[in-house]
Amino acid sequence: MTTAARPLLTRRALLDAGHTPAELSRRVRSGELVRLAGGVFRTVAETDPIADYRDRVVARALKAPTGVVSHASAAALHGLPLGRSELGAVHLTVPPHWGGRRTSAFVRHAAQLDDGDVIGTDGLRITSVARTLVDLARSTRREAVVMAADHALRDRLTTPAEVLAVLHRGRVRPGTPSARRALAAVDGRSESPGESRLRLMLSPPGWPVPELQTEIRSAAGVFLGRVDLAYVDVATLVEFDGHSKYRVGDRWDSTVLVREKEREDALRSAGFTVVRFVWKELSHPDLVLARVEEAWERGRRMLAAGAVTGTVHVTPPLRIESLARR
């Protein structure tokens, strides 16, 4: 679990250390101290949006010890991937009789939490990964839910059974039908948020469901590579490139680039059609769908010509099965 990017300072601790209120005000004005919540500070500005959000979450939680960090805020502390639109308000859950409250910077959810829904770490109380995913699924856009849940299942941070148990306990709560639909799309075989987002994009009505993280072998059984998505019936392989695997620090790694080209050449030599996407292309869903449909046509022609010699070995799904079957 990830908490604050660095130790945070409280006003009380700073005063006890000999600083005066006037000095604290001066240090805030100069930027030497950054105020995160009432009476909680950090010593430098944070440029990374995820780290900044985690700091704000911890600061707010320190000021409200009766609340439980939840929803997107809990997801951030669990290290689950989030989009920028989720890095806004801090979310805490309090007992039902407190009532809810919402501002641009803070959302207080009034809900019952069972003992198994809450864990403690570093002096904070936070919803479990399973409860966090269900809360997200009830309240957040589907894409964000799937990216977070794919990651959680892949890294074994929770199990499908645990998620289902939380969902069942709150089955009469508002948002449960949409939560079930979002969680039905989860598959822990996806290895990055980009893959998760691309997979959702490739699921308009009537489209076949691709296999994920499949192994491709030559006719002789030689391993050629593992690919992100595969449309087996049309010999089409879809890859998402996040670019991070090609970099060492701030430099491109030419060795990795050459190895990736050799891998793709081997897949094409085995008769498969390969299509790649990068992050910026995911902003144009219609173009993504058109390129995949064009790849299908090439794949069908290769199959009809008997030119596909490679074989596909499917990795078992990692899904919330009782939801996925609905």
Protein backbone atom coordinates (compact mmCIF):
# COMPACT_ATOMS: atom_id res chain seq x y z
CA MET A 1 0.00 0.00 0.00
CA THR A 2 1.18 3.53 -0.77
CA THR A 3 0.49 6.40 1.61
CA ALA A 4 1.89 9.94 1.49
CA ALA A 5 4.77 10.66 -0.87
CA ARG A 6 6.74 12.00 2.11
CA PRO A 7 6.13 12.56 5.85
CA LEU A 8 3.52 15.25 6.44
CA LEU A 9 3.75 17.88 9.16
CA THR A 10 0.94 18.96 11.45
CA ARG A 11 0.54 22.46 12.82
CA ARG A 12 0.63 21.09 16.37
CA ALA A 13 3.93 19.28 15.76
CA LEU A 14 5.49 22.39 14.23
CA LEU A 15 4.36 24.58 17.13
CA ASP A 16 5.65 22.02 19.63
CA ALA A 17 8.99 22.12 17.80
CA GLY A 18 9.27 25.85 18.54
CA HIS A 19 7.84 27.46 15.40
CA THR A 20 5.49 30.40 15.89
CA PRO A 21 2.14 30.91 14.12
CA ALA A 22 3.59 33.94 12.35
CA GLU A 23 6.54 31.90 11.12
CA LEU A 24 4.22 29.19 9.78
CA SER A 25 2.19 31.79 7.90
CA ARG A 26 5.37 33.27 6.42
CA ARG A 27 6.62 29.83 5.31
CA VAL A 28 3.27 29.10 3.64
CA ARG A 29 3.35 32.42 1.77
CA SER A 30 6.91 31.77 0.58
CA GLY A 31 6.06 28.25 -0.60
CA GLU A 32 8.40 26.62 1.91
CA LEU A 33 5.35 24.93 3.42
CA VAL A 34 2.39 23.74 1.36
CA ARG A 35 -0.94 23.57 3.18
CA LEU A 36 -2.83 20.38 2.27
CA ALA A 37 -5.68 20.49 4.78
CA GLY A 38 -6.45 22.48 7.90
CA GLY A 39 -3.28 22.23 9.97
CA VAL A 40 -1.46 19.67 7.78
CA PHE A 41 1.49 20.64 5.58
CA ARG A 42 4.25 19.24 3.38
CA THR A 43 7.61 20.87 2.78
CA VAL A 44 7.79 21.01 -1.03
CA ALA A 45 5.44 21.30 -3.99
CA GLU A 46 4.51 18.01 -5.65
CA THR A 47 4.48 17.87 -9.45
CA ASP A 48 3.30 14.28 -9.82
CA PRO A 49 -0.54 14.33 -9.77
CA ILE A 50 -0.86 10.88 -8.18
CA ALA A 51 1.59 11.69 -5.38
CA ASP A 52 -0.09 15.06 -4.84
CA TYR A 53 -3.48 13.39 -4.54
CA ARG A 54 -2.17 10.79 -2.06
CA ASP A 55 -0.73 13.57 0.09
CA ARG A 56 -4.08 15.38 0.09
CA VAL A 57 -5.88 12.15 0.99
CA VAL A 58 -3.60 11.44 3.94
CA ALA A 59 -3.81 15.04 5.13
CA ARG A 60 -7.61 15.02 5.11
CA ALA A 61 -7.72 11.61 6.83
CA LEU A 62 -5.42 12.86 9.60
CA LYS A 63 -7.90 15.66 10.29
CA ALA A 64 -10.89 13.30 10.33
CA PRO A 65 -9.80 10.16 12.22
CA THR A 66 -13.36 8.87 12.54
CA GLY A 67 -13.69 8.64 8.75
CA VAL A 68 -12.48 5.79 6.56
CA VAL A 69 -10.60 6.58 3.35
CA SER A 70 -12.71 5.16 0.51
CA HIS A 71 -13.62 5.23 -3.19
CA ALA A 72 -10.97 6.82 -5.45
CA SER A 73 -8.96 7.96 -2.41
CA ALA A 74 -8.64 4.39 -1.15
CA ALA A 75 -7.78 3.24 -4.67
CA ALA A 76 -4.92 5.75 -4.77
CA LEU A 77 -3.52 4.53 -1.45
CA HIS A 78 -3.82 0.91 -2.61
CA GLY A 79 -1.72 1.81 -5.65
CA LEU A 80 -4.51 1.17 -8.16
CA PRO A 81 -4.34 3.10 -11.44
CA LEU A 82 -6.61 6.13 -11.70
CA GLY A 83 -7.36 8.65 -14.41
CA ARG A 84 -6.91 12.37 -13.87
CA SER A 85 -10.64 12.87 -13.44
CA GLU A 86 -10.51 10.67 -10.32
CA LEU A 87 -7.74 12.76 -8.71
CA GLY A 88 -9.99 15.55 -7.51
CA ALA A 89 -12.01 15.36 -4.31
CA VAL A 90 -10.89 13.35 -1.30
CA HIS A 91 -13.39 10.63 -0.31
CA LEU A 92 -14.11 9.47 3.24
CA THR A 93 -16.89 7.16 4.44
CA VAL A 94 -18.58 7.80 7.79
CA PRO A 95 -21.41 6.05 9.70
CA PRO A 96 -24.88 6.42 8.14
CA HIS A 97 -26.24 8.75 10.83
CA TRP A 98 -23.61 11.38 9.99
CA GLY A 99 -25.10 12.05 6.58
CA GLY A 100 -23.27 12.76 3.37
CA ARG A 101 -21.60 15.95 2.19
CA ARG A 102 -20.05 16.98 -1.13
CA THR A 103 -17.80 19.86 -2.15
CA SER A 104 -15.31 20.19 -4.99
CA ALA A 105 -12.48 19.17 -2.64
CA PHE A 106 -14.15 16.68 -0.30
CA VAL A 107 -16.87 14.03 -0.47
CA ARG A 108 -18.23 12.45 2.71
CA HIS A 109 -20.13 9.22 2.05
CA ALA A 110 -22.56 7.99 4.69
CA ALA A 111 -22.62 4.18 4.58
CA GLN A 112 -22.36 1.09 6.74
CA LEU A 113 -18.94 -0.59 6.65
CA ASP A 114 -18.53 -4.14 7.92
CA ASP A 115 -15.43 -5.10 9.89
CA GLY A 116 -13.96 -6.87 6.86
CA ASP A 117 -14.42 -3.75 4.75
CA VAL A 118 -11.83 -1.75 6.71
CA ILE A 119 -8.10 -2.20 7.18
CA GLY A 120 -5.63 -0.10 9.15
CA THR A 121 -2.20 1.08 8.05
CA ASP A 122 0.15 3.85 9.17
CA GLY A 123 -2.48 5.20 11.53
CA LEU A 124 -5.11 5.45 8.78
CA ARG A 125 -8.28 3.48 8.23
CA ILE A 126 -8.98 2.58 4.62
CA THR A 127 -11.50 0.40 2.82
CA SER A 128 -10.28 -3.01 1.67
CA VAL A 129 -9.40 -3.46 -1.98
CA ALA A 130 -12.61 -5.43 -2.60
CA ARG A 131 -14.80 -2.79 -0.92
CA THR A 132 -12.90 -0.04 -2.75
CA LEU A 133 -13.59 -1.63 -6.14
CA VAL A 134 -17.29 -2.02 -5.41
CA ASP A 135 -17.56 1.59 -4.18
CA LEU A 136 -15.82 2.76 -7.35
CA ALA A 137 -18.10 0.61 -9.49
CA ARG A 138 -21.18 2.21 -7.90
CA SER A 139 -20.01 5.76 -8.38
CA THR A 140 -17.33 6.14 -11.05
CA ARG A 141 -17.06 5.85 -14.83
CA ARG A 142 -16.79 2.30 -16.16
CA GLU A 143 -13.35 2.78 -17.71
CA ALA A 144 -11.83 3.83 -14.38
CA VAL A 145 -13.44 0.88 -12.60
CA VAL A 146 -12.13 -1.66 -15.10
CA MET A 147 -8.59 -0.24 -15.12
CA ALA A 148 -8.44 -0.39 -11.31
CA ALA A 149 -10.07 -3.81 -10.98
CA ASP A 150 -7.97 -5.39 -13.75
CA HIS A 151 -4.86 -4.27 -11.86
CA ALA A 152 -6.17 -5.51 -8.51
CA LEU A 153 -6.99 -9.00 -9.81
CA ARG A 154 -3.76 -9.28 -11.80
CA ASP A 155 -1.61 -8.39 -8.78
CA ARG A 156 -3.69 -10.60 -6.46
CA LEU A 157 -4.63 -7.64 -4.26
CA THR A 158 -8.09 -9.18 -3.96
CA THR A 159 -10.03 -12.10 -5.41
CA PRO A 160 -13.21 -12.34 -7.48
CA ALA A 161 -14.87 -14.09 -4.53
CA GLU A 162 -14.07 -11.19 -2.19
CA VAL A 163 -15.46 -8.64 -4.65
CA LEU A 164 -18.63 -10.68 -5.12
CA ALA A 165 -19.12 -10.98 -1.36
CA VAL A 166 -18.97 -7.20 -0.92
CA LEU A 167 -21.30 -6.66 -3.86
CA HIS A 168 -23.80 -9.18 -2.45
CA ARG A 169 -23.82 -7.59 1.02
CA GLY A 170 -24.74 -4.24 -0.52
CA ARG A 171 -27.08 -5.61 -3.18
CA VAL A 172 -29.91 -3.19 -2.31
CA ARG A 173 -27.71 -0.09 -2.34
CA PRO A 174 -28.11 2.50 -5.11
CA GLY A 175 -25.76 1.98 -8.02
CA THR A 176 -25.51 -1.79 -7.65
CA PRO A 177 -26.87 -2.65 -11.13
CA SER A 178 -24.33 -0.38 -12.82
CA ALA A 179 -21.63 -1.75 -10.53
CA ARG A 180 -22.43 -5.29 -11.66
CA ARG A 181 -22.21 -4.26 -15.31
CA ALA A 182 -18.85 -2.54 -14.83
CA LEU A 183 -17.34 -5.39 -12.83
CA ALA A 184 -18.56 -7.91 -15.41
CA ALA A 185 -16.08 -6.37 -17.87
CA VAL A 186 -13.07 -6.91 -15.60
CA ASP A 187 -10.29 -9.30 -16.64
CA GLY A 188 -7.06 -9.48 -14.66
CA ARG A 189 -5.13 -10.72 -17.68
CA SER A 190 -4.75 -7.11 -18.88
CA GLU A 191 -1.28 -5.95 -17.92
CA SER A 192 -1.65 -2.17 -18.01
CA PRO A 193 -4.28 0.58 -17.83
CA GLY A 194 -3.74 1.20 -21.55
CA GLU A 195 -4.57 -2.41 -22.36
CA SER A 196 -7.69 -2.21 -20.20
CA ARG A 197 -8.84 0.96 -21.92
CA LEU A 198 -8.15 -0.46 -25.38
CA ARG A 199 -10.05 -3.64 -24.55
CA LEU A 200 -13.12 -1.66 -23.51
CA MET A 201 -12.88 0.39 -26.69
CA LEU A 202 -12.91 -2.82 -28.71
CA SER A 203 -16.25 -3.94 -27.28
CA PRO A 204 -19.03 -2.21 -29.26
CA PRO A 205 -22.25 -4.23 -29.66
CA GLY A 206 -21.80 -7.25 -31.90
CA TRP A 207 -18.02 -7.38 -31.72
CA PRO A 208 -16.27 -10.62 -30.73
CA VAL A 209 -14.42 -10.70 -27.40
CA PRO A 210 -10.63 -10.98 -27.87
CA GLU A 211 -8.45 -13.33 -25.89
CA LEU A 212 -5.87 -11.64 -23.66
CA GLN A 213 -2.17 -12.34 -23.13
CA THR A 214 -2.10 -15.27 -25.55
CA GLU A 215 1.06 -17.16 -26.45
CA ILE A 216 1.90 -17.48 -30.13
CA ARG A 217 4.04 -20.38 -31.34
CA SER A 218 5.41 -21.38 -34.72
CA ALA A 219 4.32 -24.53 -36.57
CA ALA A 220 7.34 -26.22 -34.98
CA GLY A 221 6.22 -25.16 -31.50
CA VAL A 222 8.79 -22.39 -31.04
CA PHE A 223 7.61 -19.57 -28.78
CA LEU A 224 7.26 -16.38 -30.83
CA GLY A 225 5.74 -14.03 -28.30
CA ARG A 226 2.91 -13.17 -25.95
CA VAL A 227 0.44 -10.62 -27.28
CA ASP A 228 -2.01 -8.29 -25.55
CA LEU A 229 -5.19 -9.16 -27.47
CA ALA A 230 -5.88 -11.84 -30.06
CA TYR A 231 -8.85 -12.37 -32.36
CA VAL A 232 -8.14 -16.04 -32.93
CA ASP A 233 -10.81 -16.69 -35.58
CA VAL A 234 -9.36 -14.01 -37.88
CA ALA A 235 -5.65 -14.47 -37.03
CA THR A 236 -5.38 -10.87 -35.84
CA LEU A 237 -3.16 -9.70 -32.98
CA VAL A 238 -3.59 -6.31 -31.28
CA GLU A 239 -0.85 -4.71 -29.20
CA PHE A 240 -0.84 -1.66 -26.93
CA ASP A 241 2.45 0.23 -26.61
CA GLY A 242 2.82 2.35 -23.50
CA HIS A 243 6.42 3.20 -24.51
CA SER A 244 7.76 2.66 -20.97
CA LYS A 245 9.13 -0.77 -21.93
CA TYR A 246 11.30 0.89 -24.58
CA ARG A 247 12.95 3.40 -22.24
CA VAL A 248 15.81 3.38 -19.76
CA GLY A 249 15.44 6.55 -17.71
CA ASP A 250 14.88 9.33 -20.23
CA ARG A 251 16.51 7.47 -23.14
CA TRP A 252 15.13 5.06 -25.72
CA ASP A 253 16.63 1.57 -25.38
CA SER A 254 17.64 0.59 -28.91
CA THR A 255 18.19 -3.04 -27.88
CA VAL A 256 14.58 -3.37 -26.74
CA LEU A 257 13.34 -1.64 -29.90
CA VAL A 258 15.27 -4.07 -32.12
CA ARG A 259 14.06 -7.06 -30.11
CA GLU A 260 10.45 -5.89 -30.39
CA LYS A 261 10.77 -5.48 -34.17
CA GLU A 262 12.22 -9.00 -34.47
CA ARG A 263 9.34 -10.34 -32.39
CA GLU A 264 6.73 -8.65 -34.58
CA ASP A 265 8.47 -9.85 -37.76
CA ALA A 266 8.27 -13.42 -36.43
CA LEU A 267 4.54 -13.06 -35.72
CA ARG A 268 3.90 -11.74 -39.22
CA SER A 269 6.03 -14.51 -40.74
CA ALA A 270 3.74 -17.01 -39.01
CA GLY A 271 0.84 -15.49 -40.94
CA PHE A 272 -0.70 -13.24 -38.30
CA THR A 273 -1.88 -9.69 -38.91
CA VAL A 274 -0.51 -7.36 -36.22
CA VAL A 275 -1.90 -3.91 -35.39
CA ARG A 276 -0.46 -1.59 -32.72
CA PHE A 277 -1.83 1.36 -30.79
CA VAL A 278 -0.29 3.99 -28.53
CA TRP A 279 -1.90 6.21 -25.90
CA LYS A 280 -2.68 9.19 -28.14
CA GLU A 281 -4.57 6.97 -30.59
CA LEU A 282 -6.99 5.93 -27.85
CA SER A 283 -8.43 9.45 -28.05
CA HIS A 284 -9.92 8.52 -31.44
CA PRO A 285 -12.12 5.43 -30.90
CA ASP A 286 -13.62 5.44 -34.40
CA LEU A 287 -10.17 5.27 -35.98
CA VAL A 288 -9.13 2.48 -33.61
CA LEU A 289 -12.19 0.40 -34.53
CA ALA A 290 -11.65 1.02 -38.24
CA ARG A 291 -8.03 -0.11 -38.08
CA VAL A 292 -8.96 -3.30 -36.26
CA GLU A 293 -11.69 -4.09 -38.78
CA GLU A 294 -9.16 -3.59 -41.60
CA ALA A 295 -6.79 -5.96 -39.80
CA TRP A 296 -9.57 -8.56 -39.57
CA GLU A 297 -10.00 -8.44 -43.33
CA ARG A 298 -6.28 -9.02 -43.87
CA GLY A 299 -6.38 -11.86 -41.36
CA ARG A 300 -9.30 -13.52 -43.15
CA ARG A 301 -7.43 -13.34 -46.45
CA MET A 302 -4.35 -14.91 -44.86
CA LEU A 303 -6.46 -17.72 -43.42
CA ALA A 304 -8.22 -18.31 -46.74
CA ALA A 305 -4.84 -18.54 -48.46
CA GLY A 306 -3.59 -21.07 -45.91
CA ALA A 307 -0.78 -18.69 -44.95
CA VAL A 308 -1.31 -18.82 -41.16
CA THR A 309 1.13 -21.39 -39.82
CA GLY A 310 1.40 -20.24 -36.20
CA THR A 311 -0.74 -21.43 -33.30
CA VAL A 312 -2.45 -19.53 -30.50
CA HIS A 313 -2.36 -20.74 -26.89
CA VAL A 314 -5.00 -19.03 -24.75
CA THR A 315 -4.37 -17.93 -21.16
CA PRO A 316 -7.32 -18.71 -18.84
CA PRO A 317 -9.43 -15.63 -17.97
CA LEU A 318 -9.13 -13.94 -14.59
CA ARG A 319 -12.64 -12.61 -14.25
CA ILE A 320 -15.52 -12.26 -11.82
CA GLU A 321 -17.16 -15.22 -13.47
CA SER A 322 -20.71 -15.11 -12.11
CA LEU A 323 -20.98 -11.51 -13.36
CA ALA A 324 -19.20 -12.16 -16.66
CA ARG A 325 -21.66 -14.94 -17.54
CA ARG A 326 -24.71 -12.72 -17.21
